[in-house]
Protein backbone atom coordinates (compact mmCIF):
# COMPACT_ATOMS: atom_id res chain seq x y z
CA MET A 1 89.08 102.76 108.55
CA LEU A 2 86.49 102.01 110.87
CA GLU A 3 88.77 101.32 113.39
CA CYS A 4 89.77 105.13 113.50
CA GLU A 5 86.17 106.07 114.33
CA LYS A 6 86.47 105.73 118.12
CA THR A 7 89.68 107.86 118.17
CA ILE A 8 87.71 110.50 115.92
CA GLU A 9 84.91 110.58 118.24
CA SER A 10 87.39 110.83 121.18
CA LEU A 11 89.28 113.79 119.85
CA SER A 12 86.02 115.38 118.49
CA SER A 13 85.16 115.26 122.38
CA PHE A 14 87.93 117.71 123.11
CA GLY A 15 87.26 119.98 120.07
CA VAL A 16 89.98 118.48 118.13
CA SER A 17 89.37 117.59 114.51
CA VAL A 18 91.15 115.00 112.27
CA CYS A 19 93.17 114.89 109.09
CA LEU A 20 92.52 111.32 107.87
CA ASP A 21 95.65 109.87 106.19
CA TYR A 22 96.07 106.47 104.44
CA ALA A 23 99.61 106.16 104.80
CA VAL A 24 100.44 104.09 102.10
CA GLU A 25 103.57 105.01 99.94
CA GLY A 26 106.03 103.59 97.60
CA GLU A 27 103.68 101.21 95.73
CA HIS A 28 105.16 99.68 92.80
CA SER A 29 102.81 98.23 90.41
CA PRO A 30 99.86 99.62 88.50
CA SER A 31 97.37 97.71 90.73
CA GLY A 32 98.88 98.77 93.85
CA TYR A 33 98.48 102.40 92.44
CA GLU A 34 95.07 101.63 91.77
CA ARG A 35 93.94 99.81 94.81
CA THR A 36 95.61 102.94 96.78
CA CYS A 37 93.39 105.32 94.81
CA GLU A 38 90.22 103.32 95.36
CA GLU A 39 91.10 103.42 99.24
CA LEU A 40 91.62 107.05 99.22
CA LEU A 41 88.19 107.73 97.26
CA HIS A 42 86.52 105.42 100.02
CA MET A 43 88.36 107.25 102.70
CA ILE A 44 86.88 110.70 101.19
CA SER A 45 83.49 108.90 101.14
CA PHE A 46 83.89 108.08 104.73
CA SER A 47 84.64 111.55 105.62
CA GLU A 48 81.69 113.16 103.93
CA GLY A 49 79.44 115.08 106.08
CA LYS A 50 81.70 114.61 108.87
CA ASP A 51 82.75 118.12 110.41
CA GLU A 52 85.19 116.41 112.39
CA ILE A 53 87.24 115.28 109.69
CA PRO A 54 87.82 118.33 107.83
CA PHE A 55 91.10 117.35 105.98
CA VAL A 56 92.26 114.18 103.93
CA VAL A 57 95.60 113.50 102.86
CA PHE A 58 97.46 111.27 100.30
CA LYS A 59 101.07 110.77 99.38
CA PRO A 60 101.91 110.84 95.52
CA THR A 61 104.22 107.74 95.79
CA GLY A 62 101.10 105.86 96.85
CA ILE A 63 99.33 106.38 93.44
CA ALA A 64 102.65 106.86 91.11
CA SER A 65 106.05 105.62 90.75
CA ALA A 66 108.94 107.44 92.18
CA GLN A 67 110.70 106.85 88.50
CA ILE A 68 107.71 108.49 86.58
CA LEU A 69 107.69 111.43 88.94
CA GLU A 70 111.47 111.89 88.82
CA LEU A 71 111.23 111.58 84.95
CA VAL A 72 108.58 114.39 84.56
CA SER A 73 110.33 116.49 87.05
CA SER A 74 113.60 116.32 85.04
CA GLY A 75 111.99 117.87 82.00
CA ASN A 76 113.21 115.17 79.58
CA SER A 77 111.34 113.80 76.93
CA LEU A 78 108.84 110.92 77.75
CA SER A 79 108.42 107.77 75.60
CA ASP A 80 104.92 106.90 74.50
CA GLY A 81 104.69 104.49 77.24
CA GLN A 82 105.91 107.02 79.83
CA LYS A 83 103.29 109.61 78.32
CA LEU A 84 100.43 106.94 78.81
CA GLU A 85 101.91 106.11 82.51
CA TRP A 86 101.93 109.96 83.30
CA GLU A 87 98.50 110.56 81.89
CA LYS A 88 97.17 107.87 84.34
CA VAL A 89 98.75 109.35 87.26
CA ARG A 90 97.35 112.59 86.48
CA GLU A 91 93.72 111.05 86.11
CA ARG A 92 94.15 109.23 89.50
CA VAL A 93 95.17 112.69 91.11
CA HIS A 94 92.18 114.45 89.44
CA ARG A 95 89.69 111.74 90.59
CA ILE A 96 90.82 112.40 94.05
CA CYS A 97 90.87 116.02 93.96
CA GLU A 98 87.26 116.04 92.28
CA ALA A 99 86.09 113.66 94.92
CA SER A 100 87.34 115.95 97.87
CA TYR A 101 85.78 118.80 96.05
CA ARG A 102 82.41 117.11 95.74
CA ALA A 103 82.54 115.97 99.31
CA LYS A 104 83.50 119.50 100.39
CA LYS A 105 86.61 118.33 102.00
CA ARG A 106 89.91 119.90 102.05
CA LEU A 107 92.87 117.69 100.46
CA PHE A 108 96.49 117.66 101.30
CA ILE A 109 98.90 116.52 98.79
CA ASP A 110 102.03 115.52 100.49
CA ALA A 111 105.68 116.27 99.68
CA GLU A 112 108.18 114.01 98.36
CA GLU A 113 111.87 114.24 98.01
CA SER A 114 113.22 117.19 95.88
CA TRP A 115 114.28 115.12 92.60
CA MET A 116 110.58 114.19 91.89
CA GLN A 117 108.79 117.12 93.53
CA THR A 118 108.70 119.59 90.39
CA ALA A 119 106.08 117.13 88.89
CA ILE A 120 103.94 117.20 91.95
CA ASP A 121 104.37 121.10 92.20
CA ASP A 122 103.00 121.50 88.84
CA LEU A 123 100.49 119.01 89.11
CA THR A 124 99.23 120.18 92.44
CA GLU A 125 99.02 123.68 91.01
CA GLU A 126 96.99 122.51 88.01
CA MET A 127 94.33 120.94 90.42
CA MET A 128 94.37 124.28 92.51
CA VAL A 129 93.44 126.26 89.23
CA GLU A 130 90.38 123.73 88.77
CA PHE A 131 88.97 123.02 91.97
CA ASN A 132 90.36 126.22 94.16
CA GLN A 133 88.00 128.67 92.34
CA GLU A 134 85.43 129.04 94.96
CA GLY A 135 87.16 128.21 97.98
CA PRO A 136 90.35 126.29 99.21
CA CYS A 137 90.05 122.63 98.34
CA VAL A 138 93.57 121.40 97.18
CA HIS A 139 96.21 122.14 99.53
CA HIS A 140 100.03 121.80 98.57
CA THR A 141 102.79 120.62 101.08
CA LEU A 142 105.90 122.75 101.12
CA GLN A 143 109.04 121.41 103.06
CA PHE A 144 111.00 124.32 104.27
CA TYR A 145 114.25 122.45 104.96
CA ARG A 146 114.59 123.32 101.36
CA HIS A 147 116.20 126.78 100.87
CA ASP A 148 113.88 127.57 97.67
CA ARG A 149 110.69 126.86 99.22
CA LEU A 150 109.88 130.23 100.33
CA THR A 151 110.48 131.79 96.84
CA TYR A 152 108.69 129.07 95.24
CA LEU A 153 105.46 130.10 97.85
CA LYS A 154 105.77 133.63 96.98
CA GLU A 155 105.65 132.99 93.24
CA MET A 156 102.67 130.44 93.76
CA HIS A 157 100.87 133.13 95.46
CA GLU A 158 101.42 135.59 92.75
CA ARG A 159 99.97 133.16 90.23
CA ALA A 160 96.93 132.61 92.30
CA ARG A 161 96.34 136.32 92.62
CA VAL A 162 96.57 136.88 88.87
CA GLY A 163 94.61 133.62 88.23
CA ASP A 164 92.11 134.39 90.76
CA TYR A 165 92.01 131.00 92.83
CA PHE A 166 92.60 130.04 96.29
CA ILE A 167 96.00 128.54 97.70
CA GLY A 168 95.71 125.69 100.17
CA LEU A 169 99.03 125.22 102.01
CA LYS A 170 100.28 123.04 104.57
CA PRO A 171 103.90 124.14 105.50
CA VAL A 172 106.15 121.38 107.15
CA ARG A 173 109.90 121.42 107.96
CA GLY A 174 110.47 118.01 106.14
CA ALA A 175 111.60 114.43 106.30
CA TYR A 176 114.03 113.64 103.80
CA MET A 177 117.30 115.82 104.85
CA GLU A 178 119.95 113.25 105.13
CA LYS A 179 118.72 111.41 102.05
CA GLU A 180 118.92 114.91 100.17
CA ARG A 181 122.36 115.82 101.18
CA GLU A 182 123.90 112.45 100.41
CA ARG A 183 122.27 112.25 96.76
CA ALA A 184 123.33 115.92 96.16
CA LEU A 185 126.96 115.19 97.06
CA GLU A 186 127.00 111.78 95.34
CA MET A 187 125.46 113.24 92.07
CA GLY A 188 127.42 116.57 92.18
CA TYR A 189 124.51 118.89 91.97
CA GLU A 190 123.64 121.92 94.31
CA ASP A 191 122.48 120.82 97.68
CA PRO A 192 118.76 121.73 97.97
CA ILE A 193 118.82 121.67 101.83
CA GLN A 194 119.21 124.91 103.99
CA PRO A 195 122.38 125.60 105.46
CA ASP A 196 121.07 125.28 109.04
CA LYS A 197 118.19 124.74 111.25
CA GLU A 198 118.02 128.47 111.68
CA SER A 199 117.26 129.23 108.32
CA THR A 200 114.61 126.43 108.02
CA ASP A 201 113.04 127.94 111.07
CA ARG A 202 113.14 131.43 109.63
CA ASP A 203 111.53 130.57 106.11
CA TYR A 204 108.92 128.42 107.96
CA ASN A 205 107.99 131.29 110.14
CA GLU A 206 108.22 133.68 107.36
CA CYS A 207 105.84 131.46 105.26
CA LEU A 208 103.36 131.66 108.42
CA SER A 209 103.39 135.41 108.42
CA LEU A 210 102.85 135.56 104.78
CA CYS A 211 100.00 133.22 104.84
CA VAL A 212 98.03 134.99 107.83
CA GLU A 213 98.46 138.22 105.95
CA ASN A 214 96.75 136.94 103.02
CA LEU A 215 93.61 134.97 104.39
CA ASP A 216 91.57 136.42 101.51
CA ARG A 217 93.58 134.30 99.20
CA VAL A 218 95.36 131.52 101.47
CA SER A 219 93.96 128.56 103.52
CA LEU A 220 96.77 127.47 106.03
CA CYS A 221 97.56 124.27 107.91
CA ALA A 222 100.48 124.80 110.11
CA ALA A 223 101.75 121.33 110.76
CA THR A 224 104.34 121.83 113.15
CA HIS A 225 105.36 120.61 116.67
CA ASN A 226 107.40 123.44 117.26
CA GLU A 227 106.46 125.84 120.07
CA GLU A 228 107.98 128.86 119.05
CA SER A 229 106.32 128.76 115.51
CA THR A 230 102.86 127.85 116.96
CA LEU A 231 103.50 130.91 119.59
CA LEU A 232 104.47 133.04 116.49
CA LEU A 233 101.30 132.26 114.59
CA VAL A 234 99.08 132.73 117.53
CA ARG A 235 100.61 136.19 118.22
CA LYS A 236 100.39 137.21 114.55
CA MET A 237 96.83 136.18 114.51
CA GLU A 238 96.28 138.51 117.54
CA GLU A 239 98.20 141.20 115.95
CA LEU A 240 96.11 141.40 112.87
CA LYS A 241 92.86 140.67 115.08
CA VAL A 242 92.21 137.51 113.13
CA GLU A 243 89.52 135.45 114.95
CA ARG A 244 90.86 132.44 116.67
CA ASN A 245 88.42 129.84 114.45
CA HIS A 246 89.10 131.59 111.24
CA PRO A 247 88.03 128.87 108.74
CA ASN A 248 91.34 129.38 106.89
CA ILE A 249 93.82 128.82 109.62
CA PHE A 250 94.30 125.22 111.35
CA PHE A 251 96.97 124.13 113.70
CA SER A 252 98.04 120.39 113.34
CA GLN A 253 100.11 117.66 115.06
CA LEU A 254 100.66 114.13 114.57
CA TYR A 255 98.43 111.74 116.50
CA GLY A 256 100.14 110.61 119.66
CA MET A 257 102.85 113.79 119.61
CA GLY A 258 102.73 117.23 120.41
CA ASP A 259 99.33 116.72 122.53
CA HIS A 260 100.29 119.64 124.90
CA LEU A 261 100.02 121.87 121.86
CA THR A 262 96.74 120.06 120.10
CA PHE A 263 94.65 120.18 123.22
CA ASN A 264 95.76 123.76 124.62
CA LEU A 265 95.21 125.31 121.33
CA SER A 266 91.70 123.61 121.01
CA LYS A 267 91.01 124.72 124.31
CA SER A 268 91.85 128.26 123.60
CA GLY A 269 89.48 128.23 120.88
CA PHE A 270 91.80 127.68 117.79
CA ASN A 271 91.00 125.22 115.08
CA SER A 272 93.09 122.26 116.06
CA CYS A 273 93.43 119.00 114.49
CA LYS A 274 95.50 115.58 114.48
CA TYR A 275 96.97 113.92 111.74
CA LEU A 276 95.69 110.31 111.92
CA PRO A 277 97.43 107.99 109.76
CA TYR A 278 95.88 104.51 109.05
CA GLY A 279 96.52 101.43 107.13
CA PRO A 280 98.69 98.26 106.99
CA VAL A 281 100.97 98.20 110.14
CA GLY A 282 104.08 97.66 108.13
CA SER A 283 103.51 100.80 106.01
CA VAL A 284 102.12 102.99 109.00
CA MET A 285 104.91 102.62 111.53
CA PRO A 286 107.57 103.33 109.20
CA TYR A 287 105.82 106.49 108.37
CA LEU A 288 105.49 107.38 112.17
CA VAL A 289 109.11 106.86 112.59
CA ARG A 290 110.26 109.20 109.89
CA ARG A 291 107.96 111.80 111.41
CA ALA A 292 109.49 111.41 114.92
CA GLU A 293 113.11 111.67 113.31
CA GLU A 294 111.99 114.69 111.64
CA ASN A 295 111.19 116.13 114.77
CA THR A 296 114.07 115.00 117.15
CA ALA A 297 115.46 118.48 117.38
CA MET A 298 112.52 119.71 119.07
CA GLY A 299 113.45 118.36 122.47
CA ASP A 300 112.88 115.62 124.92
CA GLN A 301 109.21 114.94 124.08
CA MET A 302 110.17 114.06 120.66
CA SER A 303 113.04 112.05 121.62
CA ARG A 304 110.56 109.95 123.84
CA ASP A 305 107.96 109.77 121.05
CA LEU A 306 111.00 108.39 118.69
CA ARG A 307 111.94 105.72 121.35
CA LEU A 308 108.51 104.60 122.04
CA LEU A 309 107.83 104.13 118.29
CA ARG A 310 111.09 102.17 117.78
CA GLN A 311 110.07 100.01 120.72
CA GLU A 312 106.74 99.00 119.01
CA ILE A 313 108.17 98.44 115.52
CA LYS A 314 110.74 95.87 117.33
CA ARG A 315 107.85 94.32 119.30
CA ARG A 316 105.92 94.04 116.14
CA GLY A 317 108.91 92.43 114.34
CA LEU A 318 108.89 95.16 111.36
CA GLU A 319 112.55 95.97 111.49
């Protein structure tokens, strides 16, 4: 993590902040989950007092098995051993959220595939109720390639309004589309994916509008490399006379991608941050490839990013 410091300082000199991401996922043992949890707590401690790091992030499969997330999401009964395992997951998530709250950091809980996401949805909202009473600490991640996410957002917003707590939100388009479609077809359940890209764009953009219209209750980090969505949010802020550096609106792009958006936004006075993944190379590079593949529809720049990442993976012998 200390190797990130020069990058953080460099970005800060251009008015760009950082979302620090220990990009380890898919652990497969209790000791691995605990090791990742301890690194996440160390990451939060490292970021404390550093205004240039307003956000930290973790991926649930770094601290929980995909199997227990899927089982809890299914609503099926748990054995005593599975109940104990799930309680340990909840305890890890609570420790991470509490540490972020005490360090005054905004925490992103990343999204996973749809068949394990319900458990994450419920746990994230549980953490919001506890830690978002005074302001937005815990942030949910919604993948808008799913056709149900806009409805879920509206329902979540209503629960927060009634419960009198804040929503933290990081909307993304999503990264598991092909896997989702193949699984739904193979297992014979309703495809959770939008019928086309236009539908994804429509729901993503409606999410941005809903958030900026409710900044008294919502904190938004628009994670996108899409120029049209970025411009829409900028125009919506201007239309509603929302100050450019409003503390509840950030724009975010992945480090090394979408630089024209990040630096122009920062130069124009908007809150702009880079998603900065770190960790073992074997874990981080596949993560970066998935992010690039997610954005190949965005044009030649993203295609170039993907090509360079693949070249680097081959050079490092990680394929």
